[in-house]
Amino acid sequence: MLKRILLSLLAILLIGCSENDPKGARGVLDRSFNPPAGYALHQGAPGQQERGVETALQPDGRIVVLGYRHNGLNNDILLLRYNADGSPDTSFGTAGAAVFDVPGSEDEKGLGLALQADGKIVVAGYVRINGKRDALVARFTAAGGLDGTFGIGGYVTYAGAGDGTDIAFGVVVQGDGRIVVVGEARHQDSQDALLLRYNADGTLDRTFGAGGVFTYNGGPGAADKGFAAAIAPDGGIVLAGSSIVAAKEDALVLKVTADGRLDPSFGAGGVVNYSGPGDESDYGNAVALEPDGRIVIAGASSRGGQFDILLLRLRADGRRDESFAGSGATTFGRPGDLYDYAWGLAIQPDGKILLAGATSNGADNDALILRYLADGTLDRGFASGGVFTFAVPGSREDSLAACALEPGGRIVAAGHANDGQRDGVLVIRVQ
């Protein structure tokens, strides 16, 4: 009897240590999330396809997931909300899901997600009307309906000059409530990285850039894109993306001042380009800032036709941080993998870095989470040598596109899984 009591006390202590471990999750699937599975898979009606692309955590622990649904004809924006235990939050939208279709549109996708301090949800992406894509920003209430105080009926669109393409890939909300959108603007022979800044009511902030708009063109024949943005401690905006010059793609990092100009104190006139070994393609898909202003970029680097995950850290002034992996950059790719790719990024309070993405062994894809120490080496105390992989039982493809940290250190990640017939939105939690 005494032995049973001691074992029970030990189990309680271990659980308590795990839940309050300042080092964060140890790298196993949390079966208390949508028990006993440890994951949630949301699928629409037969014939529909759904994918998750972003996730964010509310202060009350509820989980917001952004994605899109193909209804058999075109794509619509999809928002899901889960309770902290992984069950659908039925108070949100219809049974936990909200779908948005711009009236008169042919197609729309939500690609970027941000939460406001008041609980409202901001979505950025694109809408296609008459064959032309325009950047789209929509705001939803905490209950999942369009916020009528934003723009016209809850959304705004942006179309640059001419008849080209404008897409928003990411969004971030400043501390003062203004909304920064990052993406690309393609017109005639020019493809430029794009930043838009909106006031809280959905009007363009005319104090930023040229009437609320900043574009970056790397030069004649260049093609530039912005995929993600973060707000710097000085109020500037850091953009991560890619730049093609002479058919070669490099990771692109820009810093723009609070009023929408390239920051001359950063990199070369506000611009940093990163090219990995082998002179192939490199992409900056996600960006996050450390408390001291250092910049962490996650993305991909191709070598010999195979994609490896790229992790890059810059100093606040744009120089490579050589205390990180010896050169400021490291890659992840295992022998036999056709590709390893990262889209999601989060930094723990202790400085450890989390990446979410996918790994392919040639037969199918598995969901992937990596954890790095602050010095740029894999955290061997996490999962299997710093590497966590997951596949829904019976699935043919699993991939993660975003991750977020709970206050206790557990990791929430979202993406999609395919059961052989259709995609569904996948949400997992790792402890």
Protein backbone atom coordinates (compact mmCIF):
# COMPACT_ATOMS: atom_id res chain seq x y z
CA MET A 1 0.00 0.00 0.00
CA LEU A 2 2.81 2.38 0.97
CA LYS A 3 4.51 1.60 -2.35
CA ARG A 4 1.32 2.51 -4.28
CA ILE A 5 1.02 5.81 -2.38
CA LEU A 6 4.66 6.68 -3.09
CA LEU A 7 4.26 5.86 -6.77
CA SER A 8 1.10 7.99 -6.96
CA LEU A 9 2.88 10.92 -5.33
CA LEU A 10 5.80 10.52 -7.72
CA ALA A 11 3.41 10.53 -10.71
CA ILE A 12 1.75 13.71 -9.44
CA LEU A 13 5.13 15.38 -9.00
CA LEU A 14 6.23 14.37 -12.48
CA ILE A 15 3.02 15.68 -14.00
CA GLY A 16 3.41 18.94 -12.13
CA CYS A 17 7.01 19.30 -13.29
CA SER A 18 6.00 18.61 -16.87
CA GLU A 19 3.18 21.15 -16.90
CA ASN A 20 5.33 23.86 -15.34
CA ASP A 21 8.64 22.98 -16.98
CA PRO A 22 10.22 26.32 -17.95
CA LYS A 23 12.07 24.55 -20.76
CA GLY A 24 8.77 23.85 -22.52
CA ALA A 25 7.39 20.71 -24.12
CA ARG A 26 9.48 17.55 -24.22
CA GLY A 27 8.18 16.42 -27.58
CA VAL A 28 5.35 13.90 -27.29
CA LEU A 29 1.78 14.06 -28.56
CA ASP A 30 -0.56 15.44 -25.89
CA ARG A 31 -3.34 12.87 -25.66
CA SER A 32 -5.40 15.19 -23.45
CA PHE A 33 -6.08 17.27 -26.58
CA ASN A 34 -9.31 16.02 -28.17
CA PRO A 35 -8.79 12.82 -26.16
CA PRO A 36 -7.72 10.21 -26.69
CA ALA A 37 -6.41 11.14 -30.15
CA GLY A 38 -4.14 14.08 -29.32
CA TYR A 39 -5.19 15.77 -32.56
CA ALA A 40 -8.30 17.19 -34.22
CA LEU A 41 -9.16 16.74 -37.90
CA HIS A 42 -11.84 18.99 -39.36
CA GLN A 43 -13.31 17.91 -42.69
CA GLY A 44 -16.09 19.56 -44.64
CA ALA A 45 -18.88 17.86 -46.53
CA PRO A 46 -18.06 15.10 -49.05
CA GLY A 47 -16.26 16.58 -52.04
CA GLN A 48 -14.81 19.49 -50.08
CA GLN A 49 -11.11 20.02 -49.35
CA GLU A 50 -9.81 21.97 -46.36
CA ARG A 51 -6.36 23.14 -45.29
CA GLY A 52 -5.12 25.06 -42.27
CA VAL A 53 -2.45 27.71 -42.81
CA GLU A 54 -2.20 29.75 -39.57
CA THR A 55 -3.01 29.45 -35.88
CA ALA A 56 -3.11 31.79 -32.88
CA LEU A 57 -3.97 31.40 -29.20
CA GLN A 58 -6.44 33.59 -27.36
CA PRO A 59 -5.62 34.69 -23.79
CA ASP A 60 -8.34 32.33 -22.51
CA GLY A 61 -6.61 29.35 -24.14
CA ARG A 62 -8.95 28.91 -27.07
CA ILE A 63 -7.29 28.15 -30.40
CA VAL A 64 -8.06 30.01 -33.64
CA VAL A 65 -7.12 28.33 -36.92
CA LEU A 66 -7.23 30.00 -40.32
CA GLY A 67 -7.46 28.07 -43.54
CA TYR A 68 -9.45 27.73 -46.69
CA ARG A 69 -12.09 25.37 -48.01
CA HIS A 70 -12.51 24.26 -51.60
CA ASN A 71 -16.24 23.75 -51.99
CA GLY A 72 -15.96 21.82 -55.26
CA LEU A 73 -15.96 24.97 -57.38
CA ASN A 74 -13.64 27.46 -55.68
CA ASN A 75 -11.99 28.40 -52.39
CA ASP A 76 -13.57 30.20 -49.44
CA ILE A 77 -11.95 31.53 -46.28
CA LEU A 78 -12.32 29.17 -43.32
CA LEU A 79 -11.94 30.04 -39.63
CA LEU A 80 -12.14 27.42 -36.88
CA ARG A 81 -12.00 27.84 -33.12
CA TYR A 82 -11.28 25.13 -30.58
CA ASN A 83 -11.56 25.04 -26.84
CA ALA A 84 -8.34 24.42 -24.92
CA ASP A 85 -9.21 20.72 -24.66
CA GLY A 86 -9.39 20.34 -28.45
CA SER A 87 -13.18 20.26 -28.76
CA PRO A 88 -14.87 22.60 -31.27
CA ASP A 89 -15.95 25.91 -29.73
CA THR A 90 -19.64 25.82 -30.66
CA SER A 91 -20.05 29.47 -29.62
CA PHE A 92 -17.99 30.48 -32.66
CA GLY A 93 -19.56 30.77 -36.12
CA THR A 94 -21.64 27.68 -36.86
CA ALA A 95 -20.61 24.76 -34.66
CA GLY A 96 -17.09 26.20 -34.35
CA ALA A 97 -16.55 27.16 -37.99
CA ALA A 98 -16.96 30.39 -39.95
CA VAL A 99 -16.82 30.50 -43.76
CA PHE A 100 -16.48 33.73 -45.74
CA ASP A 101 -17.11 34.18 -49.46
CA VAL A 102 -16.71 37.70 -50.89
CA PRO A 103 -19.91 38.53 -52.80
CA GLY A 104 -19.41 38.25 -56.55
CA SER A 105 -15.96 36.70 -56.25
CA GLU A 106 -14.55 33.69 -58.08
CA ASP A 107 -12.12 32.62 -55.37
CA GLU A 108 -10.58 33.75 -52.08
CA LYS A 109 -8.04 32.43 -49.59
CA GLY A 110 -7.03 33.45 -46.10
CA LEU A 111 -3.24 33.25 -45.73
CA GLY A 112 -2.39 35.46 -42.73
CA LEU A 113 -3.90 35.64 -39.23
CA ALA A 114 -3.61 38.03 -36.29
CA LEU A 115 -5.61 38.55 -33.10
CA GLN A 116 -6.44 41.98 -31.74
CA ALA A 117 -6.31 42.78 -28.03
CA ASP A 118 -10.11 43.12 -28.01
CA GLY A 119 -10.58 39.56 -29.30
CA LYS A 120 -11.34 40.45 -32.90
CA ILE A 121 -9.69 38.35 -35.60
CA VAL A 122 -7.88 39.82 -38.61
CA VAL A 123 -7.42 37.75 -41.76
CA ALA A 124 -5.32 38.65 -44.82
CA GLY A 125 -5.21 36.91 -48.17
CA TYR A 126 -6.61 37.51 -51.62
CA VAL A 127 -9.85 37.63 -53.56
CA ARG A 128 -10.21 36.90 -57.27
CA ILE A 129 -12.78 38.90 -59.22
CA ASN A 130 -13.03 38.83 -63.02
CA GLY A 131 -9.84 36.77 -63.16
CA LYS A 132 -7.76 39.31 -61.18
CA ARG A 133 -6.43 38.78 -57.67
CA ASP A 134 -6.52 41.66 -55.18
CA ALA A 135 -5.20 41.71 -51.63
CA LEU A 136 -7.96 41.11 -49.07
CA VAL A 137 -8.16 42.04 -45.39
CA ALA A 138 -11.19 40.99 -43.34
CA ARG A 139 -11.97 41.38 -39.65
CA PHE A 140 -14.18 39.06 -37.66
CA THR A 141 -15.80 39.51 -34.29
CA ALA A 142 -14.91 37.23 -31.39
CA ALA A 143 -18.12 35.32 -32.19
CA GLY A 144 -17.04 34.58 -35.77
CA GLY A 145 -19.12 37.09 -37.74
CA LEU A 146 -17.80 39.82 -40.00
CA ASP A 147 -17.05 43.04 -38.10
CA GLY A 148 -19.19 45.72 -39.72
CA THR A 149 -17.05 48.53 -38.21
CA PHE A 150 -14.11 47.52 -40.42
CA GLY A 151 -13.97 48.63 -44.05
CA ILE A 152 -17.22 48.07 -45.91
CA GLY A 153 -19.18 45.27 -44.30
CA GLY A 154 -16.13 43.84 -42.55
CA TYR A 155 -13.49 43.71 -45.26
CA VAL A 156 -11.32 45.80 -47.59
CA THR A 157 -9.45 45.02 -50.82
CA TYR A 158 -6.31 46.53 -52.28
CA ALA A 159 -5.56 46.75 -56.00
CA GLY A 160 -2.37 48.42 -57.17
CA ALA A 161 -1.94 50.31 -60.40
CA GLY A 162 -2.84 48.57 -63.63
CA ASP A 163 -4.34 45.14 -64.07
CA GLY A 164 -1.87 43.05 -62.10
CA THR A 165 -1.94 40.75 -59.10
CA ASP A 166 -1.84 41.74 -55.44
CA ILE A 167 -1.70 39.11 -52.70
CA ALA A 168 -1.42 39.40 -48.91
CA PHE A 169 0.50 36.53 -47.31
CA GLY A 170 0.69 37.75 -43.71
CA VAL A 171 -0.66 40.27 -41.21
CA VAL A 172 0.38 41.67 -37.84
CA VAL A 173 -1.38 44.10 -35.50
CA GLN A 174 0.67 46.91 -33.98
CA GLY A 175 0.34 47.86 -30.33
CA ASP A 176 -1.65 50.95 -31.32
CA GLY A 177 -4.18 48.85 -33.24
CA ARG A 178 -2.99 49.65 -36.74
CA ILE A 179 -2.79 46.66 -39.07
CA VAL A 180 0.27 45.83 -41.19
CA VAL A 181 -0.21 43.55 -44.19
CA VAL A 182 2.66 41.94 -46.12
CA GLY A 183 2.59 40.41 -49.58
CA GLU A 184 3.40 41.02 -53.23
CA ALA A 185 2.31 43.38 -56.00
CA ARG A 186 2.78 42.25 -59.59
CA HIS A 187 2.16 44.73 -62.39
CA GLN A 188 3.39 44.60 -65.97
CA ASP A 189 7.04 43.45 -65.78
CA SER A 190 7.55 44.17 -62.09
CA GLN A 191 6.91 41.98 -59.05
CA ASP A 192 7.47 43.88 -55.80
CA ALA A 193 7.39 43.12 -52.10
CA LEU A 194 4.40 44.90 -50.58
CA LEU A 195 3.51 46.39 -47.21
CA LEU A 196 0.15 48.00 -46.47
CA ARG A 197 -0.81 49.69 -43.22
CA TYR A 198 -4.43 50.19 -42.23
CA ASN A 199 -6.03 52.18 -39.47
CA ALA A 200 -8.24 50.28 -37.05
CA ASP A 201 -11.33 51.17 -39.12
CA GLY A 202 -9.93 49.65 -42.32
CA THR A 203 -8.84 52.85 -44.06
CA LEU A 204 -5.30 53.04 -45.39
CA ASP A 205 -2.92 54.86 -43.05
CA ARG A 206 -1.83 57.81 -45.17
CA THR A 207 1.12 58.53 -42.83
CA PHE A 208 2.80 55.29 -43.98
CA GLY A 209 4.78 55.03 -47.20
CA ALA A 210 2.93 56.43 -50.21
CA GLY A 211 -0.64 56.81 -49.02
CA GLY A 212 -0.46 53.71 -46.83
CA VAL A 213 1.54 51.61 -49.31
CA PHE A 214 5.22 50.58 -49.39
CA THR A 215 6.70 48.57 -52.26
CA TYR A 216 10.20 47.25 -52.80
CA ASN A 217 11.74 46.50 -56.18
CA GLY A 218 15.19 44.91 -56.08
CA GLY A 219 16.11 46.21 -59.51
CA PRO A 220 15.41 45.66 -63.22
CA GLY A 221 14.24 42.11 -63.84
CA ALA A 222 13.97 41.35 -60.13
CA ALA A 223 10.98 39.59 -58.60
CA ASP A 224 10.39 40.29 -54.91
CA LYS A 225 7.86 38.90 -52.46
CA GLY A 226 7.01 39.44 -48.80
CA PHE A 227 5.72 36.41 -46.91
CA ALA A 228 5.77 37.53 -43.26
CA ALA A 229 6.33 40.60 -41.09
CA ALA A 230 7.11 41.49 -37.48
CA ILE A 231 7.13 44.75 -35.55
CA ALA A 232 10.57 45.77 -34.24
CA PRO A 233 11.08 47.34 -30.77
CA ASP A 234 11.70 50.74 -32.41
CA GLY A 235 8.38 50.56 -34.28
CA GLY A 236 9.94 49.57 -37.58
CA ILE A 237 8.68 46.65 -39.63
CA VAL A 238 10.82 43.64 -40.56
CA LEU A 239 9.74 41.81 -43.72
CA ALA A 240 10.84 38.30 -44.72
CA GLY A 241 10.41 36.91 -48.21
CA SER A 242 12.35 36.18 -51.36
CA SER A 243 14.00 38.00 -54.23
CA ILE A 244 14.82 36.67 -57.69
CA VAL A 245 17.71 38.27 -59.54
CA ALA A 246 19.09 36.71 -62.73
CA ALA A 247 16.93 33.58 -62.29
CA LYS A 248 18.35 32.95 -58.80
CA GLU A 249 16.16 33.20 -55.70
CA ASP A 250 17.55 34.48 -52.40
CA ALA A 251 15.93 34.93 -49.01
CA LEU A 252 15.00 38.59 -48.59
CA VAL A 253 14.87 40.58 -45.35
CA LEU A 254 13.86 44.24 -45.31
CA LYS A 255 13.49 46.71 -42.48
CA VAL A 256 11.12 49.60 -43.01
CA THR A 257 10.81 52.56 -40.65
CA ALA A 258 7.59 53.27 -38.78
CA ASP A 259 6.63 55.82 -41.43
CA GLY A 260 7.21 53.44 -44.35
CA ARG A 261 10.74 54.02 -45.69
CA LEU A 262 13.66 51.62 -46.01
CA ASP A 263 15.70 51.88 -42.80
CA PRO A 264 19.26 52.93 -43.76
CA SER A 265 20.65 51.60 -40.45
CA PHE A 266 19.71 48.04 -41.42
CA GLY A 267 21.75 45.90 -43.80
CA ALA A 268 22.61 47.65 -47.06
CA GLY A 269 20.19 50.55 -47.20
CA GLY A 270 17.50 48.58 -45.40
CA VAL A 271 17.99 45.33 -47.34
CA VAL A 272 19.58 41.96 -46.57
CA ASN A 273 19.79 39.09 -49.07
CA TYR A 274 20.80 35.59 -48.01
CA SER A 275 22.15 33.01 -50.43
CA GLY A 276 22.98 29.54 -49.14
CA PRO A 277 25.77 27.27 -50.36
CA GLY A 278 25.42 25.99 -53.91
CA ASP A 279 23.87 29.16 -55.31
CA GLU A 280 20.38 27.70 -55.53
CA SER A 281 17.03 28.93 -54.14
CA ASP A 282 16.47 30.25 -50.63
CA TYR A 283 13.23 31.51 -49.08
CA GLY A 284 12.28 33.36 -45.91
CA ASN A 285 8.79 32.13 -45.05
CA ALA A 286 8.41 33.26 -41.43
CA VAL A 287 9.96 35.85 -39.12
CA ALA A 288 10.04 36.40 -35.36
CA LEU A 289 11.98 38.83 -33.16
CA GLU A 290 13.81 37.98 -29.98
CA PRO A 291 13.49 40.37 -26.99
CA ASP A 292 16.90 41.95 -27.75
CA GLY A 293 15.84 42.70 -31.34
CA ARG A 294 17.64 39.84 -33.07
CA ILE A 295 15.73 38.54 -36.08
CA VAL A 296 14.97 34.85 -36.67
CA ILE A 297 13.96 33.75 -40.18
CA ALA A 298 12.63 30.30 -41.08
CA GLY A 299 12.20 28.96 -44.57
CA ALA A 300 13.83 26.65 -47.07
CA SER A 301 17.02 26.24 -49.05
CA SER A 302 17.34 24.02 -52.12
CA ARG A 303 20.38 21.89 -52.83
CA GLY A 304 20.60 19.60 -55.82
CA GLY A 305 16.84 19.60 -56.28
CA GLN A 306 16.16 18.76 -52.63
CA PHE A 307 14.72 21.31 -50.20
CA ASP A 308 16.18 21.61 -46.72
CA ILE A 309 14.79 23.73 -43.90
CA LEU A 310 16.63 27.02 -43.46
CA LEU A 311 17.01 28.79 -40.11
CA LEU A 312 18.73 32.17 -40.12
CA ARG A 313 19.42 34.65 -37.32
CA LEU A 314 20.41 38.28 -37.88
CA ARG A 315 21.47 40.96 -35.46
CA ALA A 316 19.14 43.94 -35.09
CA ASP A 317 21.22 45.85 -37.65
CA GLY A 318 20.94 43.10 -40.26
CA ARG A 319 24.37 41.51 -39.84
CA ARG A 320 24.46 37.74 -39.51
CA ASP A 321 24.62 36.60 -35.89
CA GLU A 322 27.72 34.40 -35.93
CA SER A 323 27.00 33.18 -32.38
CA PHE A 324 24.18 31.21 -34.02
CA ALA A 325 25.33 27.92 -35.60
CA GLY A 326 28.76 29.46 -36.21
CA SER A 327 27.71 31.45 -39.28
CA GLY A 328 24.24 32.79 -38.52
CA ALA A 329 22.51 30.08 -40.55
CA THR A 330 21.81 26.36 -40.35
CA THR A 331 19.82 23.86 -42.39
CA PHE A 332 17.94 20.66 -41.63
CA GLY A 333 17.68 17.81 -44.09
CA ARG A 334 18.04 14.08 -43.55
CA PRO A 335 19.46 11.59 -46.03
CA GLY A 336 16.63 10.09 -48.06
CA ASP A 337 14.24 13.02 -47.57
CA LEU A 338 13.01 14.49 -50.84
CA TYR A 339 12.37 17.71 -49.00
CA ASP A 340 12.06 19.26 -45.58
CA TYR A 341 10.17 22.54 -45.46
CA ALA A 342 9.19 24.99 -42.71
CA TRP A 343 6.40 27.56 -42.70
CA GLY A 344 5.73 28.02 -38.95
CA LEU A 345 8.00 29.68 -36.38
CA ALA A 346 7.79 30.47 -32.66
CA ILE A 347 10.35 31.46 -30.04
CA GLN A 348 10.06 30.16 -26.48
CA PRO A 349 10.65 32.45 -23.49
CA ASP A 350 13.95 30.62 -22.85
CA GLY A 351 15.17 31.40 -26.38
CA LYS A 352 14.60 27.98 -27.92
CA ILE A 353 13.23 28.11 -31.45
CA LEU A 354 10.35 26.02 -32.80
CA LEU A 355 9.74 25.30 -36.47
CA ALA A 356 6.67 23.63 -37.98
CA GLY A 357 6.50 22.12 -41.44
CA ALA A 358 6.70 18.84 -43.32
CA THR A 359 9.21 16.15 -44.13
CA SER A 360 8.99 13.81 -47.11
CA ASN A 361 10.60 10.39 -47.36
CA GLY A 362 9.65 9.92 -51.00
CA ALA A 363 6.50 7.92 -50.28
CA ASP A 364 4.50 10.52 -48.36
CA ASN A 365 4.77 13.56 -46.09
CA ASP A 366 4.75 13.64 -42.30
CA ALA A 367 4.05 16.63 -40.07
CA LEU A 368 7.27 17.97 -38.58
CA ILE A 369 8.24 20.07 -35.55
CA LEU A 370 11.88 20.93 -34.83
CA ARG A 371 13.26 22.58 -31.72
CA TYR A 372 16.59 24.39 -31.69
CA LEU A 373 18.64 25.68 -28.80
CA ALA A 374 19.46 29.39 -28.74
CA ASP A 375 22.90 28.64 -30.23
CA GLY A 376 21.41 27.11 -33.39
CA THR A 377 21.88 23.41 -32.58
CA LEU A 378 19.01 20.95 -32.42
CA ASP A 379 17.63 20.45 -28.91
CA ARG A 380 18.45 16.80 -28.23
CA GLY A 381 16.11 16.83 -25.22
CA PHE A 382 13.08 17.36 -27.44
CA ALA A 383 11.32 14.39 -29.08
CA SER A 384 13.90 12.33 -31.02
CA GLY A 385 17.10 14.37 -31.15
CA GLY A 386 15.16 17.60 -31.59
CA VAL A 387 12.82 16.18 -34.25
CA PHE A 388 9.11 15.41 -33.80
CA THR A 389 7.14 13.80 -36.62
CA PHE A 390 3.47 12.88 -36.76
CA ALA A 391 1.06 11.18 -39.15
CA VAL A 392 -2.67 10.72 -38.67
CA PRO A 393 -3.34 6.97 -38.65
CA GLY A 394 -4.18 5.88 -42.20
CA SER A 395 -3.33 9.23 -43.78
CA ARG A 396 -1.32 9.66 -46.96
CA GLU A 397 -0.06 13.16 -46.31
CA ASP A 398 0.41 15.26 -43.19
CA SER A 399 1.85 18.76 -43.03
CA LEU A 400 2.02 21.63 -40.54
CA ALA A 401 1.95 25.28 -41.60
CA ALA A 402 1.96 27.14 -38.28
CA CYS A 403 2.70 26.77 -34.58
CA ALA A 404 2.00 28.68 -31.38
CA LEU A 405 3.04 28.36 -27.74
CA GLU A 406 0.73 27.97 -24.77
CA PRO A 407 1.83 29.77 -21.56
CA GLY A 408 2.77 26.43 -19.96
CA GLY A 409 5.04 25.50 -22.88
CA ARG A 410 2.83 23.12 -24.84
CA ILE A 411 2.95 23.54 -28.61
CA VAL A 412 -0.14 23.91 -30.78
CA ALA A 413 0.37 23.39 -34.51
CA ALA A 414 -2.01 23.46 -37.47
CA GLY A 415 -1.90 22.27 -41.07
CA HIS A 416 -3.63 19.54 -43.03
CA ALA A 417 -3.91 15.79 -43.43
CA ASN A 418 -5.15 13.76 -46.39
CA ASP A 419 -6.98 10.46 -45.87
CA GLY A 420 -6.50 9.35 -49.47
CA GLN A 421 -9.56 11.17 -50.75
CA ARG A 422 -9.66 14.65 -49.26
CA ASP A 423 -7.74 17.14 -47.16
CA GLY A 424 -8.86 18.17 -43.70
CA VAL A 425 -7.61 20.81 -41.27
CA LEU A 426 -5.23 19.19 -38.78
CA VAL A 427 -4.55 20.58 -35.31
CA ILE A 428 -2.21 18.86 -32.87
CA ARG A 429 -0.77 19.63 -29.45
CA VAL A 430 2.66 18.53 -28.28
CA GLN A 431 3.79 18.45 -24.66
